[in-house]
Amino acid sequence: MQDKIHLYEEFFFADEWRSLHWQPEGRPPIFPSVILITPVRYAVSSEHIRLIQVASIHELMEKYKSSGKHQRDGKPRTSASSGGIKINLT
């Protein structure tokens, strides 16, 4: 699994991700977090990439439920949805 993380690090250092279509406009580029959803806890690490390990989607939602209520600037999120859970992983 660590070899796969090294591939993500190679992608990180290649800088190609900075100009991809999903990058935010008017803000610095953001490298996506790597989420491992598996009941197995891998001994992986990276000094460059944010790694998140959870056993299930439910655990991921619970882990980030309270942090999804506010954006980084501290303003409450507004949504036209029916109250679904928002996850801010950046």
PDB file of N, CA and C in Angstrom:
ATOM      1  N   MET A   1       0.838  -1.191   0.000  1.00  0.00           N
ATOM      2  CA  MET A   1       0.000   0.000   0.000  1.00  0.00           C
ATOM      3  C   MET A   1       0.883   1.255   0.000  1.00  0.00           C
ATOM      4  N   GLN A   2       2.016   1.186   0.682  1.00  0.00           N
ATOM      5  CA  GLN A   2       2.902   2.348   0.696  1.00  0.00           C
ATOM      6  C   GLN A   2       3.407   2.670  -0.713  1.00  0.00           C
ATOM      7  N   ASP A   3       3.589   1.646  -1.549  1.00  0.00           N
ATOM      8  CA  ASP A   3       3.986   1.890  -2.940  1.00  0.00           C
ATOM      9  C   ASP A   3       2.926   2.721  -3.672  1.00  0.00           C
ATOM     10  N   LYS A   4       1.657   2.463  -3.383  1.00  0.00           N
ATOM     11  CA  LYS A   4       0.583   3.252  -3.998  1.00  0.00           C
ATOM     12  C   LYS A   4       0.635   4.700  -3.516  1.00  0.00           C
ATOM     13  N   ILE A   5       0.935   4.892  -2.236  1.00  0.00           N
ATOM     14  CA  ILE A   5       1.064   6.253  -1.714  1.00  0.00           C
ATOM     15  C   ILE A   5       2.223   6.964  -2.406  1.00  0.00           C
ATOM     16  N   HIS A   6       3.299   6.241  -2.680  1.00  0.00           N
ATOM     17  CA  HIS A   6       4.429   6.841  -3.398  1.00  0.00           C
ATOM     18  C   HIS A   6       4.014   7.303  -4.793  1.00  0.00           C
ATOM     19  N   LEU A   7       3.104   6.568  -5.437  1.00  0.00           N
ATOM     20  CA  LEU A   7       2.598   6.997  -6.742  1.00  0.00           C
ATOM     21  C   LEU A   7       1.821   8.309  -6.623  1.00  0.00           C
ATOM     22  N   TYR A   8       1.022   8.448  -5.571  1.00  0.00           N
ATOM     23  CA  TYR A   8       0.325   9.712  -5.340  1.00  0.00           C
ATOM     24  C   TYR A   8       1.323  10.832  -5.100  1.00  0.00           C
ATOM     25  N   GLU A   9       2.408  10.542  -4.387  1.00  0.00           N
ATOM     26  CA  GLU A   9       3.435  11.556  -4.148  1.00  0.00           C
ATOM     27  C   GLU A   9       4.119  11.961  -5.451  1.00  0.00           C
ATOM     28  N   GLU A  10       4.356  11.008  -6.328  1.00  0.00           N
ATOM     29  CA  GLU A  10       4.923  11.340  -7.641  1.00  0.00           C
ATOM     30  C   GLU A  10       3.995  12.277  -8.398  1.00  0.00           C
ATOM     31  N   PHE A  11       2.712  12.001  -8.349  1.00  0.00           N
ATOM     32  CA  PHE A  11       1.722  12.866  -8.986  1.00  0.00           C
ATOM     33  C   PHE A  11       1.754  14.254  -8.341  1.00  0.00           C
ATOM     34  N   PHE A  12       1.873  14.304  -7.028  1.00  0.00           N
ATOM     35  CA  PHE A  12       1.951  15.571  -6.302  1.00  0.00           C
ATOM     36  C   PHE A  12       3.134  16.401  -6.802  1.00  0.00           C
ATOM     37  N   PHE A  13       4.302  15.791  -6.922  1.00  0.00           N
ATOM     38  CA  PHE A  13       5.498  16.513  -7.341  1.00  0.00           C
ATOM     39  C   PHE A  13       5.517  16.830  -8.828  1.00  0.00           C
ATOM     40  N   ALA A  14       4.713  16.143  -9.623  1.00  0.00           N
ATOM     41  CA  ALA A  14       4.652  16.420 -11.060  1.00  0.00           C
ATOM     42  C   ALA A  14       3.968  17.748 -11.355  1.00  0.00           C
ATOM     43  N   ASP A  15       3.190  18.265 -10.432  1.00  0.00           N
ATOM     44  CA  ASP A  15       2.495  19.555 -10.544  1.00  0.00           C
ATOM     45  C   ASP A  15       1.429  19.612 -11.630  1.00  0.00           C
ATOM     46  N   GLU A  16       1.153  18.504 -12.324  1.00  0.00           N
ATOM     47  CA  GLU A  16       0.110  18.492 -13.357  1.00  0.00           C
ATOM     48  C   GLU A  16      -1.265  18.769 -12.748  1.00  0.00           C
ATOM     49  N   TRP A  17      -1.479  18.332 -11.521  1.00  0.00           N
ATOM     50  CA  TRP A  17      -2.764  18.476 -10.840  1.00  0.00           C
ATOM     51  C   TRP A  17      -3.145  19.936 -10.635  1.00  0.00           C
ATOM     52  N   ARG A  18      -2.165  20.830 -10.595  1.00  0.00           N
ATOM     53  CA  ARG A  18      -2.436  22.249 -10.343  1.00  0.00           C
ATOM     54  C   ARG A  18      -3.322  22.893 -11.420  1.00  0.00           C
ATOM     55  N   SER A  19      -3.269  22.371 -12.643  1.00  0.00           N
ATOM     56  CA  SER A  19      -4.017  22.981 -13.734  1.00  0.00           C
ATOM     57  C   SER A  19      -5.231  22.168 -14.181  1.00  0.00           C
ATOM     58  N   LEU A  20      -5.608  21.152 -13.431  1.00  0.00           N
ATOM     59  CA  LEU A  20      -6.763  20.337 -13.805  1.00  0.00           C
ATOM     60  C   LEU A  20      -8.072  21.101 -13.607  1.00  0.00           C
ATOM     61  N   HIS A  21      -9.107  20.703 -14.332  1.00  0.00           N
ATOM     62  CA  HIS A  21     -10.369  21.439 -14.395  1.00  0.00           C
ATOM     63  C   HIS A  21     -11.088  21.562 -13.052  1.00  0.00           C
ATOM     64  N   TRP A  22     -10.829  20.694 -12.101  1.00  0.00           N
ATOM     65  CA  TRP A  22     -11.548  20.714 -10.830  1.00  0.00           C
ATOM     66  C   TRP A  22     -10.917  21.641  -9.791  1.00  0.00           C
ATOM     67  N   GLN A  23      -9.840  22.297 -10.156  1.00  0.00           N
ATOM     68  CA  GLN A  23      -9.209  23.226  -9.216  1.00  0.00           C
ATOM     69  C   GLN A  23     -10.087  24.466  -9.033  1.00  0.00           C
ATOM     70  N   PRO A  24     -10.094  25.042  -7.818  1.00  0.00           N
ATOM     71  CA  PRO A  24     -10.921  26.231  -7.568  1.00  0.00           C
ATOM     72  C   PRO A  24     -10.386  27.440  -8.334  1.00  0.00           C
ATOM     73  N   GLU A  25     -11.303  28.251  -8.821  1.00  0.00           N
ATOM     74  CA  GLU A  25     -10.905  29.468  -9.533  1.00  0.00           C
ATOM     75  C   GLU A  25     -10.652  30.579  -8.528  1.00  0.00           C
ATOM     76  N   GLY A  26      -9.613  31.353  -8.772  1.00  0.00           N
ATOM     77  CA  GLY A  26      -9.326  32.491  -7.927  1.00  0.00           C
ATOM     78  C   GLY A  26      -8.693  32.141  -6.591  1.00  0.00           C
ATOM     79  N   ARG A  27      -8.300  30.894  -6.413  1.00  0.00           N
ATOM     80  CA  ARG A  27      -7.650  30.456  -5.177  1.00  0.00           C
ATOM     81  C   ARG A  27      -6.466  29.566  -5.531  1.00  0.00           C
ATOM     82  N   PRO A  28      -5.551  29.390  -4.598  1.00  0.00           N
ATOM     83  CA  PRO A  28      -4.426  28.478  -4.868  1.00  0.00           C
ATOM     84  C   PRO A  28      -4.931  27.052  -5.119  1.00  0.00           C
ATOM     85  N   PRO A  29      -4.215  26.284  -5.941  1.00  0.00           N
ATOM     86  CA  PRO A  29      -4.612  24.899  -6.204  1.00  0.00           C
ATOM     87  C   PRO A  29      -4.588  24.053  -4.938  1.00  0.00           C
ATOM     88  N   ILE A  30      -5.435  23.037  -4.914  1.00  0.00           N
ATOM     89  CA  ILE A  30      -5.564  22.138  -3.764  1.00  0.00           C
ATOM     90  C   ILE A  30      -5.294  20.716  -4.226  1.00  0.00           C
ATOM     91  N   PHE A  31      -4.374  20.039  -3.542  1.00  0.00           N
ATOM     92  CA  PHE A  31      -4.151  18.625  -3.834  1.00  0.00           C
ATOM     93  C   PHE A  31      -5.152  17.814  -3.030  1.00  0.00           C
ATOM     94  N   PRO A  32      -5.835  16.875  -3.653  1.00  0.00           N
ATOM     95  CA  PRO A  32      -6.874  16.126  -2.924  1.00  0.00           C
ATOM     96  C   PRO A  32      -6.288  15.198  -1.864  1.00  0.00           C
ATOM     97  N   SER A  33      -7.056  14.990  -0.825  1.00  0.00           N
ATOM     98  CA  SER A  33      -6.695  14.010   0.199  1.00  0.00           C
ATOM     99  C   SER A  33      -6.878  12.614  -0.375  1.00  0.00           C
ATOM    100  N   VAL A  34      -6.137  11.662   0.157  1.00  0.00           N
ATOM    101  CA  VAL A  34      -6.288  10.263  -0.221  1.00  0.00           C
ATOM    102  C   VAL A  34      -7.059   9.580   0.901  1.00  0.00           C
ATOM    103  N   ILE A  35      -8.202   9.005   0.557  1.00  0.00           N
ATOM    104  CA  ILE A  35      -9.051   8.346   1.544  1.00  0.00           C
ATOM    105  C   ILE A  35      -9.002   6.840   1.310  1.00  0.00           C
ATOM    106  N   LEU A  36      -8.570   6.118   2.325  1.00  0.00           N
ATOM    107  CA  LEU A  36      -8.550   4.662   2.277  1.00  0.00           C
ATOM    108  C   LEU A  36      -9.755   4.159   3.067  1.00  0.00           C
ATOM    109  N   ILE A  37     -10.696   3.526   2.379  1.00  0.00           N
ATOM    110  CA  ILE A  37     -11.887   2.983   3.027  1.00  0.00           C
ATOM    111  C   ILE A  37     -11.750   1.475   3.022  1.00  0.00           C
ATOM    112  N   THR A  38     -11.336   0.960   4.168  1.00  0.00           N
ATOM    113  CA  THR A  38     -11.066  -0.462   4.292  1.00  0.00           C
ATOM    114  C   THR A  38     -11.025  -0.854   5.768  1.00  0.00           C
ATOM    115  N   PRO A  39     -11.477  -2.049   6.101  1.00  0.00           N
ATOM    116  CA  PRO A  39     -11.399  -2.484   7.498  1.00  0.00           C
ATOM    117  C   PRO A  39      -9.953  -2.750   7.939  1.00  0.00           C
ATOM    118  N   VAL A  40      -9.030  -2.844   6.995  1.00  0.00           N
ATOM    119  CA  VAL A  40      -7.621  -3.075   7.298  1.00  0.00           C
ATOM    120  C   VAL A  40      -6.945  -1.731   7.541  1.00  0.00           C
ATOM    121  N   ARG A  41      -6.225  -1.595   8.642  1.00  0.00           N
ATOM    122  CA  ARG A  41      -5.489  -0.370   8.942  1.00  0.00           C
ATOM    123  C   ARG A  41      -4.070  -0.540   8.410  1.00  0.00           C
ATOM    124  N   TYR A  42      -3.735   0.227   7.358  1.00  0.00           N
ATOM    125  CA  TYR A  42      -2.421   0.125   6.743  1.00  0.00           C
ATOM    126  C   TYR A  42      -1.419   1.044   7.427  1.00  0.00           C
ATOM    127  N   ALA A  43      -0.179   0.586   7.539  1.00  0.00           N
ATOM    128  CA  ALA A  43       0.900   1.394   8.094  1.00  0.00           C
ATOM    129  C   ALA A  43       1.504   2.214   6.959  1.00  0.00           C
ATOM    130  N   VAL A  44       0.787   3.258   6.551  1.00  0.00           N
ATOM    131  CA  VAL A  44       1.241   4.123   5.468  1.00  0.00           C
ATOM    132  C   VAL A  44       1.396   5.540   6.003  1.00  0.00           C
ATOM    133  N   SER A  45       2.242   6.300   5.323  1.00  0.00           N
ATOM    134  CA  SER A  45       2.430   7.693   5.731  1.00  0.00           C
ATOM    135  C   SER A  45       2.927   8.499   4.544  1.00  0.00           C
ATOM    136  N   SER A  46       2.771   9.803   4.671  1.00  0.00           N
ATOM    137  CA  SER A  46       3.269  10.735   3.666  1.00  0.00           C
ATOM    138  C   SER A  46       3.480  12.088   4.325  1.00  0.00           C
ATOM    139  N   GLU A  47       4.578  12.708   4.007  1.00  0.00           N
ATOM    140  CA  GLU A  47       4.838  14.059   4.495  1.00  0.00           C
ATOM    141  C   GLU A  47       4.213  15.110   3.576  1.00  0.00           C
ATOM    142  N   HIS A  48       3.666  14.677   2.438  1.00  0.00           N
ATOM    143  CA  HIS A  48       3.194  15.605   1.426  1.00  0.00           C
ATOM    144  C   HIS A  48       1.704  15.520   1.142  1.00  0.00           C
ATOM    145  N   ILE A  49       1.104  14.392   1.454  1.00  0.00           N
ATOM    146  CA  ILE A  49      -0.285  14.141   1.105  1.00  0.00           C
ATOM    147  C   ILE A  49      -1.073  13.835   2.374  1.00  0.00           C
ATOM    148  N   ARG A  50      -2.281  14.378   2.446  1.00  0.00           N
ATOM    149  CA  ARG A  50      -3.150  14.071   3.579  1.00  0.00           C
ATOM    150  C   ARG A  50      -3.788  12.703   3.353  1.00  0.00           C
ATOM    151  N   LEU A  51      -3.558  11.797   4.281  1.00  0.00           N
ATOM    152  CA  LEU A  51      -4.116  10.445   4.217  1.00  0.00           C
ATOM    153  C   LEU A  51      -5.184  10.302   5.284  1.00  0.00           C
ATOM    154  N   ILE A  52      -6.312   9.736   4.895  1.00  0.00           N
ATOM    155  CA  ILE A  52      -7.411   9.478   5.817  1.00  0.00           C
ATOM    156  C   ILE A  52      -7.751   8.002   5.692  1.00  0.00           C
ATOM    157  N   GLN A  53      -7.747   7.298   6.822  1.00  0.00           N
ATOM    158  CA  GLN A  53      -8.110   5.886   6.819  1.00  0.00           C
ATOM    159  C   GLN A  53      -9.342   5.680   7.673  1.00  0.00           C
ATOM    160  N   VAL A  54     -10.351   5.062   7.088  1.00  0.00           N
ATOM    161  CA  VAL A  54     -11.585   4.736   7.795  1.00  0.00           C
ATOM    162  C   VAL A  54     -12.044   3.347   7.358  1.00  0.00           C
ATOM    163  N   ALA A  55     -12.844   2.712   8.212  1.00  0.00           N
ATOM    164  CA  ALA A  55     -13.332   1.368   7.903  1.00  0.00           C
ATOM    165  C   ALA A  55     -14.561   1.389   7.001  1.00  0.00           C
ATOM    166  N   SER A  56     -15.292   2.530   6.991  1.00  0.00           N
ATOM    167  CA  SER A  56     -16.519   2.596   6.198  1.00  0.00           C
ATOM    168  C   SER A  56     -16.858   4.043   5.864  1.00  0.00           C
ATOM    169  N   ILE A  57     -17.755   4.218   4.924  1.00  0.00           N
ATOM    170  CA  ILE A  57     -18.252   5.557   4.596  1.00  0.00           C
ATOM    171  C   ILE A  57     -18.929   6.160   5.818  1.00  0.00           C
ATOM    172  N   HIS A  58     -19.654   5.343   6.561  1.00  0.00           N
ATOM    173  CA  HIS A  58     -20.325   5.831   7.767  1.00  0.00           C
ATOM    174  C   HIS A  58     -19.301   6.413   8.751  1.00  0.00           C
ATOM    175  N   GLU A  59     -18.192   5.732   8.945  1.00  0.00           N
ATOM    176  CA  GLU A  59     -17.151   6.237   9.848  1.00  0.00           C
ATOM    177  C   GLU A  59     -16.584   7.558   9.337  1.00  0.00           C
ATOM    178  N   LEU A  60     -16.399   7.663   8.033  1.00  0.00           N
ATOM    179  CA  LEU A  60     -15.915   8.917   7.445  1.00  0.00           C
ATOM    180  C   LEU A  60     -16.887  10.051   7.717  1.00  0.00           C
ATOM    181  N   MET A  61     -18.174   9.783   7.523  1.00  0.00           N
ATOM    182  CA  MET A  61     -19.194  10.811   7.752  1.00  0.00           C
ATOM    183  C   MET A  61     -19.225  11.215   9.219  1.00  0.00           C
ATOM    184  N   GLU A  62     -19.130  10.266  10.117  1.00  0.00           N
ATOM    185  CA  GLU A  62     -19.133  10.578  11.549  1.00  0.00           C
ATOM    186  C   GLU A  62     -17.890  11.361  11.946  1.00  0.00           C
ATOM    187  N   LYS A  63     -16.766  10.994  11.382  1.00  0.00           N
ATOM    188  CA  LYS A  63     -15.506  11.645  11.709  1.00  0.00           C
ATOM    189  C   LYS A  63     -15.509  13.117  11.332  1.00  0.00           C
ATOM    190  N   TYR A  64     -16.164  13.457  10.232  1.00  0.00           N
ATOM    191  CA  TYR A  64     -16.152  14.828   9.734  1.00  0.00           C
ATOM    192  C   TYR A  64     -17.497  15.530   9.862  1.00  0.00           C
ATOM    193  N   LYS A  65     -18.435  14.949  10.568  1.00  0.00           N
ATOM    194  CA  LYS A  65     -19.766  15.540  10.719  1.00  0.00           C
ATOM    195  C   LYS A  65     -19.688  16.927  11.339  1.00  0.00           C
ATOM    196  N   SER A  66     -19.027  17.077  12.464  1.00  0.00           N
ATOM    197  CA  SER A  66     -18.986  18.374  13.142  1.00  0.00           C
ATOM    198  C   SER A  66     -18.123  19.376  12.405  1.00  0.00           C
ATOM    199  N   SER A  67     -17.066  18.939  11.714  1.00  0.00           N
ATOM    200  CA  SER A  67     -16.213  19.886  11.000  1.00  0.00           C
ATOM    201  C   SER A  67     -16.880  20.403   9.733  1.00  0.00           C
ATOM    202  N   GLY A  68     -17.910  19.735   9.244  1.00  0.00           N
ATOM    203  CA  GLY A  68     -18.595  20.169   8.038  1.00  0.00           C
ATOM    204  C   GLY A  68     -19.588  21.277   8.270  1.00  0.00           C
ATOM    205  N   LYS A  69     -19.799  21.685   9.528  1.00  0.00           N
ATOM    206  CA  LYS A  69     -20.790  22.714   9.823  1.00  0.00           C
ATOM    207  C   LYS A  69     -20.287  24.123   9.518  1.00  0.00           C
ATOM    208  N   HIS A  70     -18.985  24.300   9.471  1.00  0.00           N
ATOM    209  CA  HIS A  70     -18.421  25.618   9.218  1.00  0.00           C
ATOM    210  C   HIS A  70     -17.315  25.514   8.180  1.00  0.00           C
ATOM    211  N   GLN A  71     -17.196  26.553   7.385  1.00  0.00           N
ATOM    212  CA  GLN A  71     -16.112  26.623   6.433  1.00  0.00           C
ATOM    213  C   GLN A  71     -14.870  27.108   7.164  1.00  0.00           C
ATOM    214  N   ARG A  72     -13.753  27.162   6.488  1.00  0.00           N
ATOM    215  CA  ARG A  72     -12.513  27.620   7.099  1.00  0.00           C
ATOM    216  C   ARG A  72     -12.608  29.029   7.643  1.00  0.00           C
ATOM    217  N   ASP A  73     -13.384  29.887   6.994  1.00  0.00           N
ATOM    218  CA  ASP A  73     -13.474  31.269   7.452  1.00  0.00           C
ATOM    219  C   ASP A  73     -14.416  31.409   8.643  1.00  0.00           C
ATOM    220  N   GLY A  74     -14.995  30.310   9.093  1.00  0.00           N
ATOM    221  CA  GLY A  74     -15.852  30.342  10.262  1.00  0.00           C
ATOM    222  C   GLY A  74     -17.303  30.664   9.966  1.00  0.00           C
ATOM    223  N   LYS A  75     -17.642  30.952   8.723  1.00  0.00           N
ATOM    224  CA  LYS A  75     -19.028  31.257   8.369  1.00  0.00           C
ATOM    225  C   LYS A  75     -19.809  29.957   8.212  1.00  0.00           C
ATOM    226  N   PRO A  76     -21.057  29.935   8.664  1.00  0.00           N
ATOM    227  CA  PRO A  76     -21.865  28.719   8.495  1.00  0.00           C
ATOM    228  C   PRO A  76     -22.098  28.416   7.026  1.00  0.00           C
ATOM    229  N   ARG A  77     -22.152  27.169   6.703  1.00  0.00           N
ATOM    230  CA  ARG A  77     -22.473  26.759   5.336  1.00  0.00           C
ATOM    231  C   ARG A  77     -23.959  26.945   5.084  1.00  0.00           C
ATOM    232  N   THR A  78     -24.276  27.319   3.883  1.00  0.00           N
ATOM    233  CA  THR A  78     -25.681  27.376   3.506  1.00  0.00           C
ATOM    234  C   THR A  78     -25.901  26.372   2.399  1.00  0.00           C
ATOM    235  N   SER A  79     -27.039  25.743   2.436  1.00  0.00           N
ATOM    236  CA  SER A  79     -27.324  24.712   1.465  1.00  0.00           C
ATOM    237  C   SER A  79     -28.814  24.649   1.202  1.00  0.00           C
ATOM    238  N   ALA A  80     -29.152  24.386  -0.058  1.00  0.00           N
ATOM    239  CA  ALA A  80     -30.553  24.227  -0.424  1.00  0.00           C
ATOM    240  C   ALA A  80     -30.977  22.769  -0.312  1.00  0.00           C
ATOM    241  N   SER A  81     -30.075  21.921   0.164  1.00  0.00           N
ATOM    242  CA  SER A  81     -30.400  20.502   0.259  1.00  0.00           C
ATOM    243  C   SER A  81     -31.308  20.244   1.455  1.00  0.00           C
ATOM    244  N   SER A  82     -31.652  19.010   1.628  1.00  0.00           N
ATOM    245  CA  SER A  82     -32.567  18.640   2.701  1.00  0.00           C
ATOM    246  C   SER A  82     -31.826  18.279   3.986  1.00  0.00           C
ATOM    247  N   GLY A  83     -30.708  18.940   4.262  1.00  0.00           N
ATOM    248  CA  GLY A  83     -29.998  18.707   5.512  1.00  0.00           C
ATOM    249  C   GLY A  83     -29.005  17.563   5.478  1.00  0.00           C
ATOM    250  N   GLY A  84     -28.522  17.174   4.287  1.00  0.00           N
ATOM    251  CA  GLY A  84     -27.548  16.110   4.203  1.00  0.00           C
ATOM    252  C   GLY A  84     -26.235  16.518   4.859  1.00  0.00           C
ATOM    253  N   ILE A  85     -25.397  15.550   5.125  1.00  0.00           N
ATOM    254  CA  ILE A  85     -24.118  15.814   5.768  1.00  0.00           C
ATOM    255  C   ILE A  85     -23.142  16.342   4.745  1.00  0.00           C
ATOM    256  N   LYS A  86     -22.458  17.423   5.089  1.00  0.00           N
ATOM    257  CA  LYS A  86     -21.418  17.990   4.227  1.00  0.00           C
ATOM    258  C   LYS A  86     -20.075  17.633   4.829  1.00  0.00           C
ATOM    259  N   ILE A  87     -19.108  17.248   3.969  1.00  0.00           N
ATOM    260  CA  ILE A  87     -17.770  16.904   4.433  1.00  0.00           C
ATOM    261  C   ILE A  87     -16.782  17.833   3.747  1.00  0.00           C
ATOM    262  N   ASN A  88     -16.035  18.593   4.546  1.00  0.00           N
ATOM    263  CA  ASN A  88     -14.991  19.461   4.024  1.00  0.00           C
ATOM    264  C   ASN A  88     -13.665  18.829   4.370  1.00  0.00           C
ATOM    265  N   LEU A  89     -13.005  18.257   3.382  1.00  0.00           N
ATOM    266  CA  LEU A  89     -11.765  17.529   3.628  1.00  0.00           C
ATOM    267  C   LEU A  89     -10.514  18.333   3.328  1.00  0.00           C
ATOM    268  N   THR A  90     -10.677  19.548   2.911  1.00  0.00           N
ATOM    269  CA  THR A  90      -9.495  20.336   2.583  1.00  0.00           C
ATOM    270  C   THR A  90      -9.051  21.176   3.728  1.00  0.00           C
TER     271      THR A  90
END
